[in-house]
Amino acid sequence: MSSDVPHRYAPALCRDCGRARDIVQGCENAPRPAPCPACGGSRLLSHPELADLSIAHVDCDAFYCSVEKRDDPSLRDKPVLVGGGRRGVVSAACYHARIYGVRSAMPMFKALKLCPDAVVVKGDMDKYAFEGRRIRMLMTELTPLVEPLSIDEAFLDLSGTRRLHGRSPAQSLIALQSRIMDEVGVTVSVGLSYNKFLAKTASDLDKPNGFAVLGRSDAPDFLARQPVGFIYGIGPAFASKLEAAGLRTIADVRQWSDKRLAERFGDHGLRLARLSRGEDHRRVDPVHQRKSISAETTFSEDIEELEALKDKLWQVCLKTADRSKAKDMAGSVVTLKLKTANFKSVTRRRTLPQPIQLADALFHALEPLLENEAKGRPYRLIGAGISGLCAPIGDAADLLDMKAAKRGKAERASDIARARFGADAVLTGRGLRLARAKESQATSLPGKIRDDQL
């Protein structure tokens, strides 16, 4: 009889207060778990390896939108999009908006066709960065091994923290979720496992405000059922190549040897082989090295005239230079980004003999690349960036441009004045002409939305 079958107990934690308890699992006649005796909560987190796992991925839920809804309660039950105007793209979409098929990086006009009732909010990166730093500080109170992936997500290694905090890593993560909600006002989802790949995989399984666990016992079977595109980093093009080779699921991938995958797909094949088995030996690295610094802008109307595009190039070069100066970084590789009227991206790069940091140097390095592309073709976006980052080593002199050193000194002097008296304290050359044009445009066309306002 079923009543003679011994009960199997599994460790569990209350999702509301972190209290540990054992619950009955795997039996037909297993009783429904009673509410938590400490807080009365009914949410439970249970897994056979719950006490043994310590690698986590913590991801804020629709972070930008969550911050906006926190600050404006009238938005709480509405679909919210954070981004530019109708010519821009969606920077973030809340879960309500995602039901309609809206996704990040989607052109705003397409998003509004899918979800016409969405409320569009202009993003405030300074505010999001501030809240992201608050969340990061709460993470580092648990462990120094925090590896940021972006403003709103990070890996954490909580190995060895039980003695420090008097609780398991899973309990610490439950407490972290509660603190972030109480002190910052947004929810986060947590994935817990034994390596970074599976922790990030788990964090996507139970959103929003979720907590999912993948252990050594269940990860292989879980992965086997997934399509190859489920593995992070495998895009549609590579997935199509794998499918053409007969590899549709991760279980299919496991049928191939590492050697065969490497011969067919190179390094990508070896990475695929390891991840298909749930193998990931990367450490959680708290030293996050920035790879690039950039800025871009979307125009209110398509632009094809070269001089008008140069004006926009100067603006994004200035933003990129300001960001690089704030981070005390320079770069030896410069990148020009353009997007055509039909959304085709054009990227051009060049490597310089010495790293640069100044807006003037970046503009003059990218100007010839722009001239090669701006030949009567309309564009809707322009961006400028630097990579190959390093510490500044002084402003390099350009022997072919004798006025470069003079312009560089002027820019450094204007930086000091801007820092003291405001961003518009000193305007020279192209920047001054643009400022006057904006004033004239604002006076003559008061009702027109300009791209600098989006």
Protein backbone atom coordinates (compact mmCIF):
# COMPACT_ATOMS: atom_id res chain seq x y z
CA MET A 1 0.00 0.00 0.00
CA SER A 2 1.14 3.55 -0.61
CA SER A 3 1.04 4.32 3.09
CA ASP A 4 3.82 1.77 3.61
CA VAL A 5 6.16 3.66 1.28
CA PRO A 6 8.66 5.57 3.41
CA HIS A 7 8.57 9.30 3.04
CA ARG A 8 11.56 10.99 1.38
CA TYR A 9 12.58 14.24 2.99
CA ALA A 10 14.24 17.07 1.08
CA PRO A 11 15.86 20.25 2.42
CA ALA A 12 13.87 23.42 1.80
CA LEU A 13 14.02 27.12 2.59
CA CYS A 14 11.26 29.62 3.09
CA ARG A 15 11.49 32.13 0.24
CA ASP A 16 10.19 34.89 2.51
CA CYS A 17 12.44 34.58 5.57
CA GLY A 18 15.06 31.95 4.66
CA ARG A 19 14.15 29.56 7.49
CA ALA A 20 15.41 26.01 6.84
CA ARG A 21 13.08 23.04 7.08
CA ASP A 22 12.57 19.58 5.61
CA ILE A 23 9.60 18.73 3.41
CA VAL A 24 8.29 15.45 2.02
CA GLN A 25 8.88 14.94 -1.66
CA GLY A 26 8.48 12.23 -4.27
CA CYS A 27 5.57 10.38 -2.66
CA GLU A 28 2.02 10.14 -3.93
CA ASN A 29 0.67 10.68 -0.44
CA ALA A 30 3.12 13.41 0.51
CA PRO A 31 1.35 16.05 2.58
CA ARG A 32 1.23 19.62 1.30
CA PRO A 33 3.89 21.66 3.10
CA ALA A 34 2.50 23.75 5.93
CA PRO A 35 3.13 27.52 6.00
CA CYS A 36 6.46 28.63 7.41
CA PRO A 37 6.26 28.49 11.23
CA ALA A 38 8.45 31.61 11.48
CA CYS A 39 6.74 34.03 9.08
CA GLY A 40 3.69 32.22 7.72
CA GLY A 41 5.00 32.36 4.16
CA SER A 42 4.02 29.69 1.68
CA ARG A 43 6.78 30.07 -0.93
CA LEU A 44 9.35 27.30 -0.68
CA LEU A 45 12.70 26.67 -2.33
CA SER A 46 13.71 23.01 -2.36
CA HIS A 47 16.49 21.02 -4.00
CA PRO A 48 18.55 17.99 -2.87
CA GLU A 49 21.80 19.97 -3.33
CA LEU A 50 20.53 23.24 -1.89
CA ALA A 51 23.12 23.31 0.91
CA ASP A 52 26.05 22.49 -1.40
CA LEU A 53 25.76 25.08 -4.21
CA SER A 54 27.46 28.47 -4.04
CA ILE A 55 27.73 30.05 -7.54
CA ALA A 56 24.90 32.48 -8.24
CA HIS A 57 23.70 34.77 -10.99
CA VAL A 58 21.59 37.69 -9.78
CA ASP A 59 19.61 39.59 -12.42
CA CYS A 60 17.32 42.57 -11.85
CA ASP A 61 13.86 42.14 -13.38
CA ALA A 62 13.24 44.65 -16.20
CA PHE A 63 15.50 46.99 -14.22
CA TYR A 64 14.96 50.33 -15.96
CA CYS A 65 11.19 49.82 -16.06
CA SER A 66 11.12 48.64 -12.45
CA VAL A 67 12.88 51.81 -11.32
CA GLU A 68 10.44 53.97 -13.28
CA LYS A 69 7.43 52.13 -11.83
CA ARG A 70 8.88 52.51 -8.36
CA ASP A 71 9.19 56.26 -8.83
CA ASP A 72 5.77 56.68 -10.49
CA PRO A 73 3.14 54.37 -8.93
CA SER A 74 0.65 55.32 -11.66
CA LEU A 75 2.73 53.17 -14.04
CA ARG A 76 2.56 50.05 -11.87
CA ASP A 77 -0.11 48.19 -13.87
CA LYS A 78 0.70 49.65 -17.29
CA PRO A 79 2.99 48.39 -20.06
CA VAL A 80 6.10 50.57 -19.88
CA LEU A 81 8.88 51.06 -22.43
CA VAL A 82 12.09 52.90 -21.64
CA GLY A 83 13.83 54.45 -24.61
CA GLY A 84 13.97 57.27 -27.12
CA GLY A 85 11.21 58.76 -29.23
CA ARG A 86 9.50 57.03 -32.13
CA ARG A 87 12.78 57.08 -34.07
CA GLY A 88 14.71 55.43 -31.25
CA VAL A 89 14.83 51.90 -29.94
CA VAL A 90 13.50 50.16 -26.85
CA SER A 91 16.11 50.16 -24.11
CA ALA A 92 13.91 48.11 -21.78
CA ALA A 93 10.41 46.67 -21.73
CA CYS A 94 8.50 45.64 -18.62
CA TYR A 95 7.01 42.15 -18.42
CA HIS A 96 3.55 43.53 -19.15
CA ALA A 97 4.81 44.92 -22.47
CA ARG A 98 6.70 41.71 -23.30
CA ILE A 99 3.41 39.83 -23.40
CA TYR A 100 2.72 41.72 -26.65
CA GLY A 101 6.04 40.65 -28.15
CA VAL A 102 8.01 43.80 -27.37
CA ARG A 103 11.72 43.23 -26.78
CA SER A 104 14.79 45.31 -26.00
CA ALA A 105 16.60 46.83 -29.00
CA MET A 106 13.37 46.75 -31.05
CA PRO A 107 12.67 49.94 -33.02
CA MET A 108 10.25 52.03 -30.98
CA PHE A 109 7.72 52.42 -33.79
CA LYS A 110 7.47 48.61 -34.10
CA ALA A 111 7.08 48.25 -30.34
CA LEU A 112 4.24 50.76 -30.30
CA LYS A 113 2.50 48.92 -33.12
CA LEU A 114 2.60 45.75 -31.05
CA CYS A 115 1.64 47.51 -27.83
CA PRO A 116 -0.08 50.82 -28.67
CA ASP A 117 -1.10 51.43 -25.05
CA ALA A 118 2.49 51.36 -23.81
CA VAL A 119 3.79 54.33 -21.84
CA VAL A 120 7.16 55.46 -23.21
CA VAL A 121 9.55 56.89 -20.63
CA LYS A 122 12.80 58.61 -21.52
CA GLY A 123 15.62 56.78 -19.80
CA ASP A 124 17.70 58.29 -17.01
CA MET A 125 21.02 56.46 -17.05
CA ASP A 126 22.41 58.43 -14.12
CA LYS A 127 19.50 57.26 -11.97
CA TYR A 128 19.83 53.65 -13.11
CA ALA A 129 23.58 53.68 -12.52
CA PHE A 130 23.05 55.04 -9.01
CA GLU A 131 20.56 52.29 -8.16
CA GLY A 132 22.82 49.70 -9.77
CA ARG A 133 25.67 50.77 -7.50
CA ARG A 134 23.39 50.46 -4.45
CA ILE A 135 22.54 46.90 -5.44
CA ARG A 136 26.20 46.12 -6.09
CA MET A 137 27.11 47.30 -2.61
CA LEU A 138 24.52 44.95 -1.10
CA MET A 139 26.08 42.10 -3.08
CA THR A 140 29.58 42.86 -1.86
CA GLU A 141 28.37 42.70 1.73
CA LEU A 142 27.79 38.99 1.11
CA THR A 143 31.03 38.22 -0.73
CA PRO A 144 33.95 40.10 -2.28
CA LEU A 145 33.69 37.78 -5.29
CA VAL A 146 31.16 39.76 -7.31
CA GLU A 147 31.62 39.86 -11.10
CA PRO A 148 29.44 42.51 -12.75
CA LEU A 149 28.08 41.68 -16.18
CA SER A 150 26.12 44.90 -16.65
CA ILE A 151 24.47 47.63 -14.63
CA ASP A 152 21.81 45.20 -13.36
CA GLU A 153 23.31 41.72 -13.19
CA ALA A 154 26.31 39.95 -11.70
CA PHE A 155 27.81 36.61 -10.77
CA LEU A 156 28.51 35.91 -7.09
CA ASP A 157 30.71 33.22 -5.56
CA LEU A 158 29.55 32.57 -2.00
CA SER A 159 31.92 29.68 -1.31
CA GLY A 160 33.12 29.77 2.29
CA THR A 161 30.64 32.43 3.42
CA ARG A 162 28.59 30.13 5.68
CA ARG A 163 30.93 30.67 8.64
CA LEU A 164 30.99 34.43 8.05
CA HIS A 165 27.23 34.94 7.85
CA GLY A 166 26.00 31.94 9.84
CA ARG A 167 23.81 30.75 6.98
CA SER A 168 24.07 28.88 3.69
CA PRO A 169 24.67 30.66 0.38
CA ALA A 170 21.04 30.02 -0.59
CA GLN A 171 19.83 31.65 2.63
CA SER A 172 22.12 34.63 2.03
CA LEU A 173 20.69 35.05 -1.47
CA ILE A 174 17.12 34.97 -0.18
CA ALA A 175 18.09 37.68 2.31
CA LEU A 176 19.68 39.66 -0.53
CA GLN A 177 16.47 39.54 -2.54
CA SER A 178 14.54 40.89 0.44
CA ARG A 179 17.05 43.69 1.12
CA ILE A 180 17.07 44.82 -2.51
CA MET A 181 13.27 44.97 -2.50
CA ASP A 182 13.14 46.80 0.84
CA GLU A 183 15.99 49.26 0.24
CA VAL A 184 15.97 49.80 -3.53
CA GLY A 185 12.38 48.92 -4.37
CA VAL A 186 12.97 46.50 -7.27
CA THR A 187 12.88 42.73 -7.60
CA VAL A 188 15.71 40.44 -8.69
CA SER A 189 15.80 36.85 -9.90
CA VAL A 190 18.44 34.42 -8.68
CA GLY A 191 19.98 31.36 -10.29
CA LEU A 192 22.04 29.05 -8.06
CA SER A 193 24.29 26.26 -9.32
CA TYR A 194 27.84 24.93 -9.29
CA ASN A 195 29.20 27.02 -12.19
CA LYS A 196 28.56 30.31 -13.97
CA PHE A 197 26.91 28.88 -17.09
CA LEU A 198 24.29 26.96 -15.14
CA ALA A 199 23.75 29.78 -12.64
CA LYS A 200 22.94 32.19 -15.47
CA THR A 201 20.76 29.54 -17.09
CA ALA A 202 18.85 29.03 -13.83
CA SER A 203 18.21 32.74 -13.28
CA ASP A 204 16.12 32.85 -16.47
CA LEU A 205 13.89 29.95 -15.42
CA ASP A 206 11.80 31.68 -12.77
CA LYS A 207 11.19 35.34 -13.57
CA PRO A 208 10.33 37.81 -12.19
CA ASN A 209 11.29 37.72 -8.50
CA GLY A 210 12.30 34.08 -8.88
CA PHE A 211 14.86 31.69 -7.44
CA ALA A 212 15.82 28.60 -9.45
CA VAL A 213 18.39 25.91 -8.72
CA LEU A 214 20.30 23.58 -11.06
CA GLY A 215 22.48 20.96 -9.41
CA ARG A 216 24.78 18.20 -10.60
CA SER A 217 21.96 15.67 -10.35
CA ASP A 218 19.42 17.43 -12.56
CA ALA A 219 21.42 19.72 -14.87
CA PRO A 220 22.38 17.03 -17.46
CA ASP A 221 18.79 15.88 -18.01
CA PHE A 222 17.51 19.46 -18.04
CA LEU A 223 20.04 20.52 -20.68
CA ALA A 224 19.45 17.46 -22.88
CA ARG A 225 15.86 18.55 -23.58
CA GLN A 226 16.80 22.06 -24.70
CA PRO A 227 17.39 23.25 -28.29
CA VAL A 228 20.96 24.19 -29.19
CA GLY A 229 19.99 27.87 -29.26
CA PHE A 230 19.29 27.64 -25.54
CA ILE A 231 23.04 27.87 -24.83
CA TYR A 232 24.08 31.46 -24.20
CA GLY A 233 26.11 32.89 -27.07
CA ILE A 234 24.66 30.71 -29.84
CA GLY A 235 22.95 33.08 -32.23
CA PRO A 236 20.51 32.28 -35.04
CA ALA A 237 23.28 31.92 -37.66
CA PHE A 238 25.29 29.38 -35.64
CA ALA A 239 22.09 27.58 -34.60
CA SER A 240 21.22 27.20 -38.31
CA LYS A 241 24.65 25.68 -39.00
CA LEU A 242 24.19 23.24 -36.15
CA GLU A 243 20.73 22.27 -37.34
CA ALA A 244 22.05 21.70 -40.86
CA ALA A 245 24.51 19.25 -39.31
CA GLY A 246 21.66 17.45 -37.57
CA LEU A 247 22.27 19.00 -34.15
CA ARG A 248 18.90 20.31 -33.03
CA THR A 249 19.02 19.64 -29.30
CA ILE A 250 21.77 19.59 -26.70
CA ALA A 251 21.25 15.82 -26.50
CA ASP A 252 22.19 15.66 -30.20
CA VAL A 253 25.37 17.61 -29.50
CA ARG A 254 26.42 15.07 -26.87
CA GLN A 255 26.40 12.36 -29.51
CA TRP A 256 29.36 14.01 -31.20
CA SER A 257 32.89 13.76 -29.84
CA ASP A 258 34.79 16.88 -28.85
CA LYS A 259 37.22 16.22 -31.71
CA ARG A 260 34.44 16.01 -34.28
CA LEU A 261 32.81 19.22 -33.02
CA ALA A 262 36.17 21.04 -33.07
CA GLU A 263 36.95 19.88 -36.60
CA ARG A 264 33.53 20.99 -37.83
CA PHE A 265 33.02 24.22 -35.86
CA GLY A 266 36.45 25.20 -34.45
CA ASP A 267 36.68 26.79 -31.01
CA HIS A 268 32.91 27.31 -31.00
CA GLY A 269 32.51 23.55 -31.30
CA LEU A 270 34.71 22.90 -28.28
CA ARG A 271 32.84 25.45 -26.22
CA LEU A 272 29.55 23.88 -27.28
CA ALA A 273 30.79 20.41 -26.29
CA ARG A 274 31.73 21.54 -22.79
CA LEU A 275 28.57 23.51 -22.13
CA SER A 276 26.35 20.71 -23.44
CA ARG A 277 27.68 18.64 -20.54
CA GLY A 278 27.20 21.48 -18.08
CA GLU A 279 30.96 22.08 -17.79
CA ASP A 280 32.20 25.60 -17.11
CA HIS A 281 35.46 26.11 -15.23
CA ARG A 282 35.53 29.92 -15.32
CA ARG A 283 35.98 31.59 -11.97
CA VAL A 284 33.88 34.45 -10.70
CA ASP A 285 36.26 37.34 -11.37
CA PRO A 286 35.60 40.55 -9.41
CA VAL A 287 38.00 42.49 -11.66
CA HIS A 288 35.70 43.40 -14.53
CA GLN A 289 37.70 44.87 -17.37
CA ARG A 290 35.79 47.31 -19.56
CA LYS A 291 36.35 46.57 -23.23
CA SER A 292 35.05 49.74 -24.87
CA ILE A 293 33.56 53.18 -24.31
CA SER A 294 31.04 54.60 -26.76
CA ALA A 295 28.04 56.82 -27.37
CA GLU A 296 25.41 57.00 -30.09
CA THR A 297 22.38 59.03 -31.08
CA THR A 298 19.30 58.38 -33.22
CA PHE A 299 18.17 61.24 -35.45
CA SER A 300 14.65 62.65 -35.50
CA GLU A 301 14.85 62.48 -39.32
CA ASP A 302 17.17 60.58 -41.65
CA ILE A 303 20.33 62.52 -42.59
CA GLU A 304 22.38 62.11 -45.75
CA GLU A 305 24.31 65.42 -45.98
CA LEU A 306 27.95 64.97 -45.00
CA GLU A 307 28.29 68.17 -42.96
CA ALA A 308 25.12 67.41 -40.99
CA LEU A 309 26.45 63.92 -40.27
CA LYS A 310 29.75 65.44 -39.13
CA ASP A 311 27.88 67.63 -36.69
CA LYS A 312 26.25 64.54 -35.23
CA LEU A 313 29.60 62.75 -35.20
CA TRP A 314 31.10 65.57 -33.15
CA GLN A 315 28.32 65.29 -30.60
CA VAL A 316 28.83 61.56 -30.01
CA CYS A 317 32.62 62.00 -29.99
CA LEU A 318 32.21 64.59 -27.25
CA LYS A 319 30.04 62.22 -25.19
CA THR A 320 32.49 59.35 -25.67
CA ALA A 321 35.42 61.55 -24.68
CA ASP A 322 33.60 62.76 -21.57
CA ARG A 323 32.96 59.16 -20.53
CA SER A 324 36.54 58.10 -21.21
CA LYS A 325 37.87 61.04 -19.20
CA ALA A 326 35.52 60.23 -16.33
CA LYS A 327 36.90 56.68 -16.28
CA ASP A 328 40.49 57.84 -16.90
CA MET A 329 40.79 55.56 -19.94
CA ALA A 330 42.10 55.96 -23.47
CA GLY A 331 41.80 53.70 -26.53
CA SER A 332 43.90 52.85 -29.56
CA VAL A 333 41.05 51.44 -31.67
CA VAL A 334 38.32 53.83 -32.83
CA THR A 335 34.94 52.73 -34.17
CA LEU A 336 32.34 54.49 -36.29
CA LYS A 337 28.82 53.09 -36.16
CA LEU A 338 26.07 54.00 -38.61
CA LYS A 339 22.58 52.66 -39.16
CA THR A 340 20.82 53.14 -42.48
CA ALA A 341 17.23 54.19 -42.96
CA ASN A 342 16.29 50.49 -43.37
CA PHE A 343 18.07 49.56 -40.11
CA LYS A 344 21.18 48.02 -41.66
CA SER A 345 24.19 48.53 -39.38
CA VAL A 346 27.51 49.74 -40.77
CA THR A 347 30.60 49.51 -38.55
CA ARG A 348 34.06 50.79 -39.48
CA ARG A 349 37.21 50.63 -37.33
CA ARG A 350 40.78 51.77 -37.49
CA THR A 351 43.76 51.24 -35.20
CA LEU A 352 45.81 54.26 -34.20
CA PRO A 353 49.54 54.34 -33.43
CA GLN A 354 48.82 55.70 -29.92
CA PRO A 355 45.78 55.62 -27.64
CA ILE A 356 43.56 58.70 -27.62
CA GLN A 357 41.07 60.20 -25.20
CA LEU A 358 40.13 63.62 -26.55
CA ALA A 359 36.95 64.33 -28.51
CA ASP A 360 38.98 66.27 -31.08
CA ALA A 361 41.34 63.34 -31.71
CA LEU A 362 38.45 60.88 -31.93
CA PHE A 363 36.54 63.10 -34.35
CA HIS A 364 39.49 63.56 -36.67
CA ALA A 365 40.24 59.82 -36.59
CA LEU A 366 36.66 58.94 -37.56
CA GLU A 367 36.04 61.79 -40.00
CA PRO A 368 37.63 60.06 -43.02
CA LEU A 369 35.69 56.86 -42.25
CA LEU A 370 32.47 58.85 -42.27
CA GLU A 371 33.41 60.57 -45.53
CA ASN A 372 33.81 57.15 -47.17
CA GLU A 373 30.31 56.10 -46.10
CA ALA A 374 28.36 59.36 -46.44
CA LYS A 375 27.85 59.51 -50.20
CA GLY A 376 24.21 60.42 -50.50
CA ARG A 377 23.01 57.50 -48.39
CA PRO A 378 20.55 58.43 -45.63
CA TYR A 379 21.31 57.35 -42.07
CA ARG A 380 19.16 57.28 -38.94
CA LEU A 381 21.85 56.73 -36.27
CA ILE A 382 25.51 57.47 -35.66
CA GLY A 383 27.86 56.30 -32.93
CA ALA A 384 31.51 56.68 -31.94
CA GLY A 385 33.60 54.52 -29.66
CA ILE A 386 37.07 53.58 -28.50
CA SER A 387 38.43 50.16 -27.53
CA GLY A 388 41.81 48.62 -26.84
CA LEU A 389 41.57 50.52 -23.58
CA CYS A 390 44.47 51.53 -21.38
CA ALA A 391 45.50 54.30 -19.03
CA PRO A 392 46.08 57.67 -20.77
CA ILE A 393 49.71 58.30 -21.69
CA GLY A 394 49.40 61.94 -22.69
CA ASP A 395 47.89 63.56 -25.76
CA ALA A 396 49.72 62.32 -28.83
CA ALA A 397 50.95 64.90 -31.31
CA ASP A 398 49.90 64.49 -34.94
CA LEU A 399 52.75 65.45 -37.24
CA LEU A 400 50.30 65.70 -40.15
CA ASP A 401 48.00 68.05 -38.24
CA MET A 402 50.07 70.83 -36.68
CA LYS A 403 47.02 72.36 -35.00
CA ALA A 404 46.06 69.14 -33.17
CA ALA A 405 48.18 69.92 -30.11
CA LYS A 406 46.66 73.39 -29.83
CA ARG A 407 43.15 72.03 -30.10
CA GLY A 408 44.00 69.39 -27.50
CA LYS A 409 45.15 72.00 -24.99
CA ALA A 410 42.00 74.01 -25.65
CA GLU A 411 39.85 70.95 -25.01
CA ARG A 412 41.62 70.21 -21.72
CA ALA A 413 41.13 73.82 -20.64
CA SER A 414 37.45 73.70 -21.57
CA ASP A 415 37.07 70.49 -19.53
CA ILE A 416 38.21 72.35 -16.43
CA ALA A 417 35.79 75.20 -17.09
CA ARG A 418 32.89 72.84 -17.81
CA ALA A 419 33.56 70.91 -14.60
CA ARG A 420 33.47 74.15 -12.62
CA PHE A 421 30.75 76.16 -14.34
CA GLY A 422 28.60 73.63 -16.21
CA ALA A 423 28.50 71.70 -19.49
CA ASP A 424 27.80 74.78 -21.64
CA ALA A 425 30.40 77.03 -19.98
CA VAL A 426 32.81 76.80 -22.92
CA LEU A 427 31.78 76.17 -26.50
CA THR A 428 34.14 76.56 -29.42
CA GLY A 429 34.21 75.79 -33.12
CA ARG A 430 31.70 73.21 -34.25
CA GLY A 431 30.17 72.95 -30.77
CA LEU A 432 29.45 76.69 -30.65
CA ARG A 433 27.87 76.64 -34.11
CA LEU A 434 25.66 73.70 -33.11
CA ALA A 435 24.56 75.43 -29.92
CA ARG A 436 23.54 78.54 -31.88
CA ALA A 437 21.68 76.38 -34.40
CA LYS A 438 19.77 74.67 -31.57
CA GLU A 439 18.79 78.03 -30.09
CA SER A 440 17.54 79.20 -33.47
CA GLN A 441 15.65 75.95 -34.06
CA ALA A 442 14.07 76.07 -30.61
CA THR A 443 12.86 79.63 -31.28
CA SER A 444 11.51 79.04 -34.77
CA LEU A 445 10.09 75.54 -34.21
CA PRO A 446 8.90 75.38 -30.62
CA GLY A 447 6.64 72.39 -31.18
CA LYS A 448 9.14 70.17 -32.97
CA ILE A 449 10.85 67.39 -31.01
CA ARG A 450 14.57 67.38 -31.70
CA ASP A 451 16.77 64.31 -31.51
CA ASP A 452 18.80 65.87 -28.69
CA GLN A 453 15.60 65.92 -26.61
CA LEU A 454 14.87 62.21 -27.07
